[in-house]
Amino acid sequence: MELNLEREGLQAGLNPLGMEGVEFIEYTTARPQALGRHLEAMGFQLIARHRSREVLLYRQGGMNVIVNAHGAEASGGDAAHPASPSIAALAFRVRDAASAYRQAIERGAWAVPTQVEVMELNIPAIHGVGSSRIYFVDRYREFSIYDVDFIPIPGVERHPPALAGLHLFGAVQYIAENRTNDWTEFYAELFGFTDLPDEQRFGILPRGRVLRSPCGSFHLQLIEPWVEEPEFGLDEYYARLGLGTPDVMAAVQALTARGVRFFDADAAAVGPRGALTHTELGSVSFELVPSSASTPPGAVPPNTIPPSTIPPGTLASGDQAPGAAVPSAGRASP
């Protein structure tokens, strides 16, 4: 007979909130047109506008990026770049948003009060790193949140294909010194993330600790500051996105043709194992990682590389400048 994990009560422990991927990444910015141009260079297309707010929806393949320029919400930036765009939210796909939110609060997460206007959905959220939010979304199949809150751009393909097979692989989170274990516990207790062995690393900047989501589709890289640079060690924030692609060199060629610039220094040289874009608008960068979108959940993607040591000061915008402070109280909010 086949083992039924859900009936035995084991599945909830492995994936306590029923996470099934990432629905969207949200940037806040006071310069939505400039950020939009860079996203378009990266292969994203503007497909919809919010009904009542200055909010835009960009998409390519299975990735959704929301650009929020609505009033005070857009003036943020992170602590290191207060006037620049910042990653303000992650939205996790879950089986039941209300249940996931309730369980997260019970596990110690901090609730985010929401202000919903007429004709808008109430999407539950908790506090993430710094001033960011983590949303729970359960409408992403036949009926999605965008069907209610957004108006499609006329004549634009609503599901544009991904350039060079690009897909969301993960995010890099800068953290304060000696906070790796705190944040590992935060993501493990709330969502069921697990930390990968040191020999499993991705891309060309493999510092820190890598966590994998319980659904196997999303990774977080936690990076502490170098001890030689303590002035960067007080702020915490999501620093950049990692995009997977089955062929890094083909993706680099396609993106370069669209005007995207890449680092090519010794410690971050473009190659089959990864590539790092130049920082634009003071804070926006992407890292390409070899990965197939068809990699089954929980499997180790092919092209993993051993950790390497990159001397401090090598990169102009590398893993050396964390940003936006996070409250340090409770096991679920380090």
C-alpha atoms as a PDB file:
ATOM      1  CA  MET A   1       0.000   0.000   0.000  1.00  0.00           C
ATOM      2  CA  GLU A   2       1.142   3.547  -0.724  1.00  0.00           C
ATOM      3  CA  LEU A   3       2.100   5.830   2.150  1.00  0.00           C
ATOM      4  CA  ASN A   4      -0.233   8.822   2.452  1.00  0.00           C
ATOM      5  CA  LEU A   5       1.872  11.562   4.041  1.00  0.00           C
ATOM      6  CA  GLU A   6      -1.014  13.981   4.473  1.00  0.00           C
ATOM      7  CA  ARG A   7      -3.132  11.358   6.230  1.00  0.00           C
ATOM      8  CA  GLU A   8      -0.209  10.537   8.526  1.00  0.00           C
ATOM      9  CA  GLY A   9       0.175  14.232   9.392  1.00  0.00           C
ATOM     10  CA  LEU A  10       3.690  14.430   7.982  1.00  0.00           C
ATOM     11  CA  GLN A  11       3.131  16.738   5.056  1.00  0.00           C
ATOM     12  CA  ALA A  12       2.213  19.701   7.260  1.00  0.00           C
ATOM     13  CA  GLY A  13       5.570  19.493   8.997  1.00  0.00           C
ATOM     14  CA  LEU A  14       7.447  19.510   5.707  1.00  0.00           C
ATOM     15  CA  ASN A  15       5.434  22.372   4.241  1.00  0.00           C
ATOM     16  CA  PRO A  16       3.446  23.888   7.122  1.00  0.00           C
ATOM     17  CA  LEU A  17       1.769  26.683   5.150  1.00  0.00           C
ATOM     18  CA  GLY A  18       1.274  24.777   1.902  1.00  0.00           C
ATOM     19  CA  MET A  19       3.727  26.915  -0.095  1.00  0.00           C
ATOM     20  CA  GLU A  20       3.596  26.293  -3.852  1.00  0.00           C
ATOM     21  CA  GLY A  21       5.974  28.887  -5.287  1.00  0.00           C
ATOM     22  CA  VAL A  22       6.190  32.665  -5.683  1.00  0.00           C
ATOM     23  CA  GLU A  23       3.335  34.648  -7.232  1.00  0.00           C
ATOM     24  CA  PHE A  24       5.028  38.043  -7.522  1.00  0.00           C
ATOM     25  CA  ILE A  25       7.927  40.234  -6.484  1.00  0.00           C
ATOM     26  CA  GLU A  26       7.116  43.841  -5.643  1.00  0.00           C
ATOM     27  CA  TYR A  27       9.447  46.797  -6.090  1.00  0.00           C
ATOM     28  CA  THR A  28       8.673  50.240  -4.697  1.00  0.00           C
ATOM     29  CA  THR A  29      10.089  53.232  -6.517  1.00  0.00           C
ATOM     30  CA  ALA A  30       9.540  56.909  -7.182  1.00  0.00           C
ATOM     31  CA  ARG A  31      10.820  56.341 -10.751  1.00  0.00           C
ATOM     32  CA  PRO A  32       8.477  53.740 -12.249  1.00  0.00           C
ATOM     33  CA  GLN A  33       9.306  54.578 -15.868  1.00  0.00           C
ATOM     34  CA  ALA A  34      13.054  54.178 -15.333  1.00  0.00           C
ATOM     35  CA  LEU A  35      12.583  50.897 -13.474  1.00  0.00           C
ATOM     36  CA  GLY A  36      10.143  49.742 -16.145  1.00  0.00           C
ATOM     37  CA  ARG A  37      12.693  50.378 -18.893  1.00  0.00           C
ATOM     38  CA  HIS A  38      15.237  48.241 -17.072  1.00  0.00           C
ATOM     39  CA  LEU A  39      12.716  45.458 -16.506  1.00  0.00           C
ATOM     40  CA  GLU A  40      11.854  45.536 -20.206  1.00  0.00           C
ATOM     41  CA  ALA A  41      15.543  45.219 -21.047  1.00  0.00           C
ATOM     42  CA  MET A  42      15.559  42.126 -18.797  1.00  0.00           C
ATOM     43  CA  GLY A  43      12.752  40.625 -20.891  1.00  0.00           C
ATOM     44  CA  PHE A  44       9.700  41.664 -18.848  1.00  0.00           C
ATOM     45  CA  GLN A  45       6.700  43.267 -20.503  1.00  0.00           C
ATOM     46  CA  LEU A  46       4.187  45.704 -19.064  1.00  0.00           C
ATOM     47  CA  ILE A  47       0.846  43.909 -19.269  1.00  0.00           C
ATOM     48  CA  ALA A  48      -1.517  45.694 -16.837  1.00  0.00           C
ATOM     49  CA  ARG A  49      -2.142  48.727 -14.631  1.00  0.00           C
ATOM     50  CA  HIS A  50      -3.824  48.823 -11.233  1.00  0.00           C
ATOM     51  CA  ARG A  51      -7.402  50.078 -11.200  1.00  0.00           C
ATOM     52  CA  SER A  52      -6.938  52.768  -8.556  1.00  0.00           C
ATOM     53  CA  ARG A  53      -3.259  53.034  -7.666  1.00  0.00           C
ATOM     54  CA  GLU A  54      -0.030  53.945  -9.434  1.00  0.00           C
ATOM     55  CA  VAL A  55       0.994  50.308  -9.676  1.00  0.00           C
ATOM     56  CA  LEU A  56       2.168  48.411 -12.782  1.00  0.00           C
ATOM     57  CA  LEU A  57       2.360  44.701 -13.542  1.00  0.00           C
ATOM     58  CA  TYR A  58       5.263  43.308 -15.585  1.00  0.00           C
ATOM     59  CA  ARG A  59       5.515  39.681 -16.662  1.00  0.00           C
ATOM     60  CA  GLN A  60       7.624  37.198 -18.576  1.00  0.00           C
ATOM     61  CA  GLY A  61       7.052  33.473 -18.528  1.00  0.00           C
ATOM     62  CA  GLY A  62       5.949  32.512 -15.037  1.00  0.00           C
ATOM     63  CA  MET A  63       7.391  35.610 -13.334  1.00  0.00           C
ATOM     64  CA  ASN A  64       5.285  38.557 -12.179  1.00  0.00           C
ATOM     65  CA  VAL A  65       6.913  41.807 -11.054  1.00  0.00           C
ATOM     66  CA  ILE A  66       4.831  44.585  -9.529  1.00  0.00           C
ATOM     67  CA  VAL A  67       6.176  48.138  -9.671  1.00  0.00           C
ATOM     68  CA  ASN A  68       4.580  50.221  -6.927  1.00  0.00           C
ATOM     69  CA  ALA A  69       4.873  54.002  -7.299  1.00  0.00           C
ATOM     70  CA  HIS A  70       1.796  54.816  -5.231  1.00  0.00           C
ATOM     71  CA  GLY A  71       2.316  57.800  -2.911  1.00  0.00           C
ATOM     72  CA  ALA A  72       4.322  57.281   0.270  1.00  0.00           C
ATOM     73  CA  GLU A  73       4.760  53.583  -0.476  1.00  0.00           C
ATOM     74  CA  ALA A  74       7.066  54.490  -3.367  1.00  0.00           C
ATOM     75  CA  SER A  75       9.391  56.808  -1.470  1.00  0.00           C
ATOM     76  CA  GLY A  76      11.118  54.071   0.490  1.00  0.00           C
ATOM     77  CA  GLY A  77      14.156  52.370  -0.933  1.00  0.00           C
ATOM     78  CA  ASP A  78      16.337  50.439   1.442  1.00  0.00           C
ATOM     79  CA  ALA A  79      18.609  51.875   4.111  1.00  0.00           C
ATOM     80  CA  ALA A  80      21.651  51.746   1.843  1.00  0.00           C
ATOM     81  CA  HIS A  81      19.835  53.382  -1.107  1.00  0.00           C
ATOM     82  CA  PRO A  82      16.893  55.390   0.303  1.00  0.00           C
ATOM     83  CA  ALA A  83      16.037  57.059  -3.022  1.00  0.00           C
ATOM     84  CA  SER A  84      16.407  53.935  -5.162  1.00  0.00           C
ATOM     85  CA  PRO A  85      13.980  51.122  -6.040  1.00  0.00           C
ATOM     86  CA  SER A  86      13.787  48.371  -3.451  1.00  0.00           C
ATOM     87  CA  ILE A  87      12.330  44.894  -3.228  1.00  0.00           C
ATOM     88  CA  ALA A  88       9.405  45.628  -0.934  1.00  0.00           C
ATOM     89  CA  ALA A  89       7.538  42.321  -0.934  1.00  0.00           C
ATOM     90  CA  LEU A  90       7.529  38.652  -1.812  1.00  0.00           C
ATOM     91  CA  ALA A  91       4.195  36.949  -2.457  1.00  0.00           C
ATOM     92  CA  PHE A  92       4.148  33.221  -1.755  1.00  0.00           C
ATOM     93  CA  ARG A  93       1.642  30.978  -3.474  1.00  0.00           C
ATOM     94  CA  VAL A  94      -0.172  28.849  -0.918  1.00  0.00           C
ATOM     95  CA  ARG A  95      -3.088  26.429  -1.005  1.00  0.00           C
ATOM     96  CA  ASP A  96      -5.208  28.530   1.370  1.00  0.00           C
ATOM     97  CA  ALA A  97      -4.172  32.144   2.028  1.00  0.00           C
ATOM     98  CA  ALA A  98      -6.372  32.665   5.099  1.00  0.00           C
ATOM     99  CA  SER A  99      -5.146  29.454   6.700  1.00  0.00           C
ATOM    100  CA  ALA A 100      -1.496  30.187   5.875  1.00  0.00           C
ATOM    101  CA  TYR A 101      -1.777  33.675   7.356  1.00  0.00           C
ATOM    102  CA  ARG A 102      -3.455  32.386  10.498  1.00  0.00           C
ATOM    103  CA  GLN A 103      -0.838  29.680  10.995  1.00  0.00           C
ATOM    104  CA  ALA A 104       2.002  32.155  10.411  1.00  0.00           C
ATOM    105  CA  ILE A 105       0.643  34.447  13.111  1.00  0.00           C
ATOM    106  CA  GLU A 106       0.275  31.486  15.466  1.00  0.00           C
ATOM    107  CA  ARG A 107       3.908  30.618  14.796  1.00  0.00           C
ATOM    108  CA  GLY A 108       5.041  34.092  15.820  1.00  0.00           C
ATOM    109  CA  ALA A 109       4.904  36.200  12.654  1.00  0.00           C
ATOM    110  CA  TRP A 110       3.940  39.863  12.852  1.00  0.00           C
ATOM    111  CA  ALA A 111       0.743  40.824  11.048  1.00  0.00           C
ATOM    112  CA  VAL A 112       0.634  43.688   8.549  1.00  0.00           C
ATOM    113  CA  PRO A 113      -2.617  45.713   8.700  1.00  0.00           C
ATOM    114  CA  THR A 114      -4.080  46.134   5.220  1.00  0.00           C
ATOM    115  CA  GLN A 115      -6.055  49.044   3.807  1.00  0.00           C
ATOM    116  CA  VAL A 116      -8.312  47.771   1.060  1.00  0.00           C
ATOM    117  CA  GLU A 117     -10.245  50.126  -1.189  1.00  0.00           C
ATOM    118  CA  VAL A 118     -13.392  49.424  -3.188  1.00  0.00           C
ATOM    119  CA  MET A 119     -12.898  46.784  -5.931  1.00  0.00           C
ATOM    120  CA  GLU A 120      -9.618  45.586  -4.372  1.00  0.00           C
ATOM    121  CA  LEU A 121      -8.701  42.215  -2.946  1.00  0.00           C
ATOM    122  CA  ASN A 122      -7.551  41.799   0.628  1.00  0.00           C
ATOM    123  CA  ILE A 123      -4.256  39.907   0.390  1.00  0.00           C
ATOM    124  CA  PRO A 124      -2.998  38.897   3.865  1.00  0.00           C
ATOM    125  CA  ALA A 125       0.609  39.741   4.710  1.00  0.00           C
ATOM    126  CA  ILE A 126       3.201  39.479   7.475  1.00  0.00           C
ATOM    127  CA  HIS A 127       6.362  41.452   8.115  1.00  0.00           C
ATOM    128  CA  GLY A 128       9.513  40.271   6.341  1.00  0.00           C
ATOM    129  CA  VAL A 129      13.062  41.585   6.464  1.00  0.00           C
ATOM    130  CA  GLY A 130      13.335  45.308   7.207  1.00  0.00           C
ATOM    131  CA  SER A 131      10.189  47.082   6.052  1.00  0.00           C
ATOM    132  CA  SER A 132       9.282  44.404   3.509  1.00  0.00           C
ATOM    133  CA  ARG A 133       6.182  42.221   3.480  1.00  0.00           C
ATOM    134  CA  ILE A 134       5.470  38.590   2.705  1.00  0.00           C
ATOM    135  CA  TYR A 135       2.047  38.074   1.127  1.00  0.00           C
ATOM    136  CA  PHE A 136      -0.011  34.895   0.895  1.00  0.00           C
ATOM    137  CA  VAL A 137      -1.822  34.330  -2.411  1.00  0.00           C
ATOM    138  CA  ASP A 138      -4.123  31.422  -3.248  1.00  0.00           C
ATOM    139  CA  ARG A 139      -5.659  32.841  -6.440  1.00  0.00           C
ATOM    140  CA  TYR A 140      -3.194  32.055  -9.209  1.00  0.00           C
ATOM    141  CA  ARG A 141      -4.772  29.408 -11.402  1.00  0.00           C
ATOM    142  CA  GLU A 142      -7.815  30.041 -13.634  1.00  0.00           C
ATOM    143  CA  PHE A 143      -8.759  33.096 -11.540  1.00  0.00           C
ATOM    144  CA  SER A 144      -5.964  35.333 -10.298  1.00  0.00           C
ATOM    145  CA  ILE A 145      -5.558  38.429  -8.170  1.00  0.00           C
ATOM    146  CA  TYR A 146      -4.787  40.438 -11.311  1.00  0.00           C
ATOM    147  CA  ASP A 147      -8.259  39.737 -12.719  1.00  0.00           C
ATOM    148  CA  VAL A 148      -9.710  41.885  -9.930  1.00  0.00           C
ATOM    149  CA  ASP A 149      -7.108  44.549  -9.191  1.00  0.00           C
ATOM    150  CA  PHE A 150      -5.575  45.238 -12.638  1.00  0.00           C
ATOM    151  CA  ILE A 151      -6.728  46.426 -16.052  1.00  0.00           C
ATOM    152  CA  PRO A 152      -4.895  44.760 -18.979  1.00  0.00           C
ATOM    153  CA  ILE A 153      -2.979  46.935 -21.449  1.00  0.00           C
ATOM    154  CA  PRO A 154      -4.917  46.759 -24.754  1.00  0.00           C
ATOM    155  CA  GLY A 155      -3.214  44.784 -27.487  1.00  0.00           C
ATOM    156  CA  VAL A 156      -0.477  43.401 -25.250  1.00  0.00           C
ATOM    157  CA  GLU A 157       0.184  39.681 -24.851  1.00  0.00           C
ATOM    158  CA  ARG A 158      -0.902  38.813 -21.300  1.00  0.00           C
ATOM    159  CA  HIS A 159       1.461  35.843 -21.038  1.00  0.00           C
ATOM    160  CA  PRO A 160       4.676  36.832 -22.844  1.00  0.00           C
ATOM    161  CA  PRO A 161       7.226  34.010 -23.151  1.00  0.00           C
ATOM    162  CA  ALA A 162      10.364  34.030 -21.051  1.00  0.00           C
ATOM    163  CA  LEU A 163      13.534  35.290 -22.677  1.00  0.00           C
ATOM    164  CA  ALA A 164      16.167  32.509 -22.857  1.00  0.00           C
ATOM    165  CA  GLY A 165      14.127  30.363 -20.492  1.00  0.00           C
ATOM    166  CA  LEU A 166      14.428  32.817 -17.594  1.00  0.00           C
ATOM    167  CA  HIS A 167      12.523  31.924 -14.433  1.00  0.00           C
ATOM    168  CA  LEU A 168      12.604  32.992 -10.798  1.00  0.00           C
ATOM    169  CA  PHE A 169      15.252  31.080  -8.878  1.00  0.00           C
ATOM    170  CA  GLY A 170      15.488  33.044  -5.636  1.00  0.00           C
ATOM    171  CA  ALA A 171      16.516  36.198  -3.810  1.00  0.00           C
ATOM    172  CA  VAL A 172      19.601  37.394  -1.978  1.00  0.00           C
ATOM    173  CA  GLN A 173      18.981  38.792   1.498  1.00  0.00           C
ATOM    174  CA  TYR A 174      21.655  40.868   3.211  1.00  0.00           C
ATOM    175  CA  ILE A 175      21.639  40.351   6.957  1.00  0.00           C
ATOM    176  CA  ALA A 176      23.478  41.770   9.941  1.00  0.00           C
ATOM    177  CA  GLU A 177      26.528  40.119  11.437  1.00  0.00           C
ATOM    178  CA  ASN A 178      25.855  36.886  13.368  1.00  0.00           C
ATOM    179  CA  ARG A 179      22.228  36.762  12.205  1.00  0.00           C
ATOM    180  CA  THR A 180      22.410  33.767   9.876  1.00  0.00           C
ATOM    181  CA  ASN A 181      20.994  31.337  12.418  1.00  0.00           C
ATOM    182  CA  ASP A 182      18.224  33.761  13.414  1.00  0.00           C
ATOM    183  CA  TRP A 183      17.004  34.156   9.841  1.00  0.00           C
ATOM    184  CA  THR A 184      17.398  30.464   9.115  1.00  0.00           C
ATOM    185  CA  GLU A 185      15.087  29.763  12.042  1.00  0.00           C
ATOM    186  CA  PHE A 186      12.650  32.440  10.874  1.00  0.00           C
ATOM    187  CA  TYR A 187      12.175  30.873   7.432  1.00  0.00           C
ATOM    188  CA  ALA A 188      12.282  27.305   8.771  1.00  0.00           C
ATOM    189  CA  GLU A 189       9.722  27.831  11.549  1.00  0.00           C
ATOM    190  CA  LEU A 190       7.249  29.827   9.486  1.00  0.00           C
ATOM    191  CA  PHE A 191       7.513  28.263   6.038  1.00  0.00           C
ATOM    192  CA  GLY A 192       9.555  25.073   6.245  1.00  0.00           C
ATOM    193  CA  PHE A 193      12.660  26.322   4.409  1.00  0.00           C
ATOM    194  CA  THR A 194      15.707  24.062   4.802  1.00  0.00           C
ATOM    195  CA  ASP A 195      19.364  25.053   4.612  1.00  0.00           C
ATOM    196  CA  LEU A 196      21.482  23.381   1.950  1.00  0.00           C
ATOM    197  CA  PRO A 197      24.864  21.756   2.610  1.00  0.00           C
ATOM    198  CA  ASP A 198      27.881  23.978   1.994  1.00  0.00           C
ATOM    199  CA  GLU A 199      28.850  21.988  -1.083  1.00  0.00           C
ATOM    200  CA  GLN A 200      25.586  22.962  -2.796  1.00  0.00           C
ATOM    201  CA  ARG A 201      25.948  26.496  -4.086  1.00  0.00           C
ATOM    202  CA  PHE A 202      24.595  28.306  -7.126  1.00  0.00           C
ATOM    203  CA  GLY A 203      25.910  31.043  -9.385  1.00  0.00           C
ATOM    204  CA  ILE A 204      29.141  32.988  -9.174  1.00  0.00           C
ATOM    205  CA  LEU A 205      28.633  34.611  -5.744  1.00  0.00           C
ATOM    206  CA  PRO A 206      28.170  31.626  -3.441  1.00  0.00           C
ATOM    207  CA  ARG A 207      28.815  33.272  -0.090  1.00  0.00           C
ATOM    208  CA  GLY A 208      26.535  32.841   2.895  1.00  0.00           C
ATOM    209  CA  ARG A 209      23.876  30.220   3.546  1.00  0.00           C
ATOM    210  CA  VAL A 210      21.351  29.026   0.965  1.00  0.00           C
ATOM    211  CA  LEU A 211      17.825  28.043   2.000  1.00  0.00           C
ATOM    212  CA  ARG A 212      15.381  26.119  -0.171  1.00  0.00           C
ATOM    213  CA  SER A 213      11.613  26.496   0.032  1.00  0.00           C
ATOM    214  CA  PRO A 214       9.570  23.415   1.003  1.00  0.00           C
ATOM    215  CA  CYS A 215       8.119  23.310  -2.519  1.00  0.00           C
ATOM    216  CA  GLY A 216      11.652  23.275  -3.958  1.00  0.00           C
ATOM    217  CA  SER A 217      11.051  26.139  -6.394  1.00  0.00           C
ATOM    218  CA  PHE A 218      12.565  29.126  -4.578  1.00  0.00           C
ATOM    219  CA  HIS A 219      15.864  29.814  -2.810  1.00  0.00           C
ATOM    220  CA  LEU A 220      17.046  32.457  -0.353  1.00  0.00           C
ATOM    221  CA  GLN A 221      20.716  33.307   0.060  1.00  0.00           C
ATOM    222  CA  LEU A 222      21.545  34.867   3.447  1.00  0.00           C
ATOM    223  CA  ILE A 223      24.712  36.952   3.369  1.00  0.00           C
ATOM    224  CA  GLU A 224      26.399  38.548   6.361  1.00  0.00           C
ATOM    225  CA  PRO A 225      28.843  41.458   5.889  1.00  0.00           C
ATOM    226  CA  TRP A 226      32.566  40.906   5.726  1.00  0.00           C
ATOM    227  CA  VAL A 227      34.108  41.365   9.166  1.00  0.00           C
ATOM    228  CA  GLU A 228      36.495  43.910   7.641  1.00  0.00           C
ATOM    229  CA  GLU A 229      33.545  46.172   6.818  1.00  0.00           C
ATOM    230  CA  PRO A 230      31.453  46.570   9.994  1.00  0.00           C
ATOM    231  CA  GLU A 231      29.833  49.786   8.757  1.00  0.00           C
ATOM    232  CA  PHE A 232      27.680  47.663   6.443  1.00  0.00           C
ATOM    233  CA  GLY A 233      26.555  45.266   9.135  1.00  0.00           C
ATOM    234  CA  LEU A 234      23.543  46.999  10.705  1.00  0.00           C
ATOM    235  CA  ASP A 235      21.026  46.946   7.862  1.00  0.00           C
ATOM    236  CA  GLU A 236      19.056  44.054   6.396  1.00  0.00           C
ATOM    237  CA  TYR A 237      17.049  43.828   3.174  1.00  0.00           C
ATOM    238  CA  TYR A 238      16.399  41.882  -0.024  1.00  0.00           C
ATOM    239  CA  ALA A 239      19.312  42.889  -2.237  1.00  0.00           C
ATOM    240  CA  ARG A 240      18.636  41.308  -5.641  1.00  0.00           C
ATOM    241  CA  LEU A 241      16.814  38.567  -7.494  1.00  0.00           C
ATOM    242  CA  GLY A 242      18.316  35.390  -8.877  1.00  0.00           C
ATOM    243  CA  LEU A 243      16.974  34.291 -12.253  1.00  0.00           C
ATOM    244  CA  GLY A 244      17.428  30.728 -13.412  1.00  0.00           C
ATOM    245  CA  THR A 245      18.168  29.836 -17.011  1.00  0.00           C
ATOM    246  CA  PRO A 246      19.049  26.546 -18.708  1.00  0.00           C
ATOM    247  CA  ASP A 247      21.886  28.277 -20.621  1.00  0.00           C
ATOM    248  CA  VAL A 248      23.606  31.194 -18.886  1.00  0.00           C
ATOM    249  CA  MET A 249      25.730  32.163 -21.887  1.00  0.00           C
ATOM    250  CA  ALA A 250      22.727  32.226 -24.233  1.00  0.00           C
ATOM    251  CA  ALA A 251      20.828  34.372 -21.718  1.00  0.00           C
ATOM    252  CA  VAL A 252      23.774  36.760 -21.368  1.00  0.00           C
ATOM    253  CA  GLN A 253      23.981  37.101 -25.147  1.00  0.00           C
ATOM    254  CA  ALA A 254      20.261  37.793 -25.456  1.00  0.00           C
ATOM    255  CA  LEU A 255      20.237  40.311 -22.597  1.00  0.00           C
ATOM    256  CA  THR A 256      23.405  42.067 -23.773  1.00  0.00           C
ATOM    257  CA  ALA A 257      21.735  42.588 -27.146  1.00  0.00           C
ATOM    258  CA  ARG A 258      18.930  44.366 -25.254  1.00  0.00           C
ATOM    259  CA  GLY A 259      21.368  46.721 -23.516  1.00  0.00           C
ATOM    260  CA  VAL A 260      21.881  44.897 -20.200  1.00  0.00           C
ATOM    261  CA  ARG A 261      25.404  45.232 -18.817  1.00  0.00           C
ATOM    262  CA  PHE A 262      27.217  42.490 -16.916  1.00  0.00           C
ATOM    263  CA  PHE A 263      30.160  42.466 -14.535  1.00  0.00           C
ATOM    264  CA  ASP A 264      33.201  40.768 -15.978  1.00  0.00           C
ATOM    265  CA  ALA A 265      35.722  41.166 -13.168  1.00  0.00           C
ATOM    266  CA  ASP A 266      37.762  38.154 -12.072  1.00  0.00           C
ATOM    267  CA  ALA A 267      35.565  37.351  -9.079  1.00  0.00           C
ATOM    268  CA  ALA A 268      32.349  37.812 -11.058  1.00  0.00           C
ATOM    269  CA  ALA A 269      33.326  36.821 -14.574  1.00  0.00           C
ATOM    270  CA  VAL A 270      30.497  35.861 -16.895  1.00  0.00           C
ATOM    271  CA  GLY A 271      30.541  32.129 -17.510  1.00  0.00           C
ATOM    272  CA  PRO A 272      28.423  28.983 -17.722  1.00  0.00           C
ATOM    273  CA  ARG A 273      28.017  28.896 -13.929  1.00  0.00           C
ATOM    274  CA  GLY A 274      26.462  32.367 -13.688  1.00  0.00           C
ATOM    275  CA  ALA A 275      26.527  36.095 -14.359  1.00  0.00           C
ATOM    276  CA  LEU A 276      25.774  39.318 -12.480  1.00  0.00           C
ATOM    277  CA  THR A 277      24.244  42.411 -14.052  1.00  0.00           C
ATOM    278  CA  HIS A 278      25.539  45.878 -13.307  1.00  0.00           C
ATOM    279  CA  THR A 279      23.553  47.746 -10.699  1.00  0.00           C
ATOM    280  CA  GLU A 280      21.050  50.141 -12.261  1.00  0.00           C
ATOM    281  CA  LEU A 281      19.143  53.016 -10.637  1.00  0.00           C
ATOM    282  CA  GLY A 282      21.397  52.709  -7.589  1.00  0.00           C
ATOM    283  CA  SER A 283      20.082  49.358  -6.345  1.00  0.00           C
ATOM    284  CA  VAL A 284      18.611  47.058  -9.022  1.00  0.00           C
ATOM    285  CA  SER A 285      20.609  44.039 -10.132  1.00  0.00           C
ATOM    286  CA  PHE A 286      19.978  40.453 -11.187  1.00  0.00           C
ATOM    287  CA  GLU A 287      22.061  37.316 -10.935  1.00  0.00           C
ATOM    288  CA  LEU A 288      21.775  34.577 -13.542  1.00  0.00           C
ATOM    289  CA  VAL A 289      21.996  31.018 -12.245  1.00  0.00           C
ATOM    290  CA  PRO A 290      22.146  27.785 -14.275  1.00  0.00           C
ATOM    291  CA  SER A 291      18.841  26.068 -13.625  1.00  0.00           C
ATOM    292  CA  SER A 292      16.113  24.336 -15.559  1.00  0.00           C
ATOM    293  CA  ALA A 293      12.544  25.435 -14.870  1.00  0.00           C
ATOM    294  CA  SER A 294      11.579  21.778 -15.123  1.00  0.00           C
ATOM    295  CA  THR A 295      13.799  20.761 -12.201  1.00  0.00           C
ATOM    296  CA  PRO A 296      11.432  18.783  -9.933  1.00  0.00           C
ATOM    297  CA  PRO A 297      10.610  20.275  -6.514  1.00  0.00           C
ATOM    298  CA  GLY A 298      13.208  19.370  -3.933  1.00  0.00           C
ATOM    299  CA  ALA A 299      15.744  18.185  -6.493  1.00  0.00           C
ATOM    300  CA  VAL A 300      19.226  19.677  -6.605  1.00  0.00           C
ATOM    301  CA  PRO A 301      19.540  21.628  -9.874  1.00  0.00           C
ATOM    302  CA  PRO A 302      22.432  20.432 -12.073  1.00  0.00           C
ATOM    303  CA  ASN A 303      25.288  23.000 -12.184  1.00  0.00           C
ATOM    304  CA  THR A 304      25.835  23.343  -8.436  1.00  0.00           C
ATOM    305  CA  ILE A 305      29.284  24.585  -7.539  1.00  0.00           C
ATOM    306  CA  PRO A 306      31.407  24.466  -4.409  1.00  0.00           C
ATOM    307  CA  PRO A 307      31.678  27.582  -2.274  1.00  0.00           C
ATOM    308  CA  SER A 308      34.520  29.913  -3.159  1.00  0.00           C
ATOM    309  CA  THR A 309      36.243  32.729  -1.354  1.00  0.00           C
ATOM    310  CA  ILE A 310      35.924  36.156  -2.941  1.00  0.00           C
ATOM    311  CA  PRO A 311      38.166  38.760  -1.331  1.00  0.00           C
ATOM    312  CA  PRO A 312      36.378  41.825   0.079  1.00  0.00           C
ATOM    313  CA  GLY A 313      36.304  44.895  -2.109  1.00  0.00           C
ATOM    314  CA  THR A 314      36.384  42.917  -5.380  1.00  0.00           C
ATOM    315  CA  LEU A 315      32.918  43.877  -6.629  1.00  0.00           C
ATOM    316  CA  ALA A 316      31.483  47.340  -6.988  1.00  0.00           C
ATOM    317  CA  SER A 317      28.044  46.104  -6.040  1.00  0.00           C
ATOM    318  CA  GLY A 318      28.732  42.643  -4.649  1.00  0.00           C
ATOM    319  CA  ASP A 319      27.716  41.041  -1.381  1.00  0.00           C
ATOM    320  CA  GLN A 320      29.087  43.734   0.878  1.00  0.00           C
ATOM    321  CA  ALA A 321      26.368  46.236   1.667  1.00  0.00           C
ATOM    322  CA  PRO A 322      23.286  45.039   3.505  1.00  0.00           C
ATOM    323  CA  GLY A 323      20.387  47.521   4.118  1.00  0.00           C
ATOM    324  CA  ALA A 324      16.990  48.229   6.101  1.00  0.00           C
ATOM    325  CA  ALA A 325      16.841  47.265   9.740  1.00  0.00           C
ATOM    326  CA  VAL A 326      14.555  44.519  10.937  1.00  0.00           C
ATOM    327  CA  PRO A 327      13.090  44.324  14.467  1.00  0.00           C
ATOM    328  CA  SER A 328      14.869  41.732  16.578  1.00  0.00           C
ATOM    329  CA  ALA A 329      12.206  40.146  18.750  1.00  0.00           C
ATOM    330  CA  GLY A 330      10.589  36.741  18.796  1.00  0.00           C
ATOM    331  CA  ARG A 331      11.634  33.602  17.041  1.00  0.00           C
ATOM    332  CA  ALA A 332       9.604  34.390  13.948  1.00  0.00           C
ATOM    333  CA  SER A 333      10.984  37.904  13.463  1.00  0.00           C
ATOM    334  CA  PRO A 334      14.715  37.857  14.138  1.00  0.00           C
END
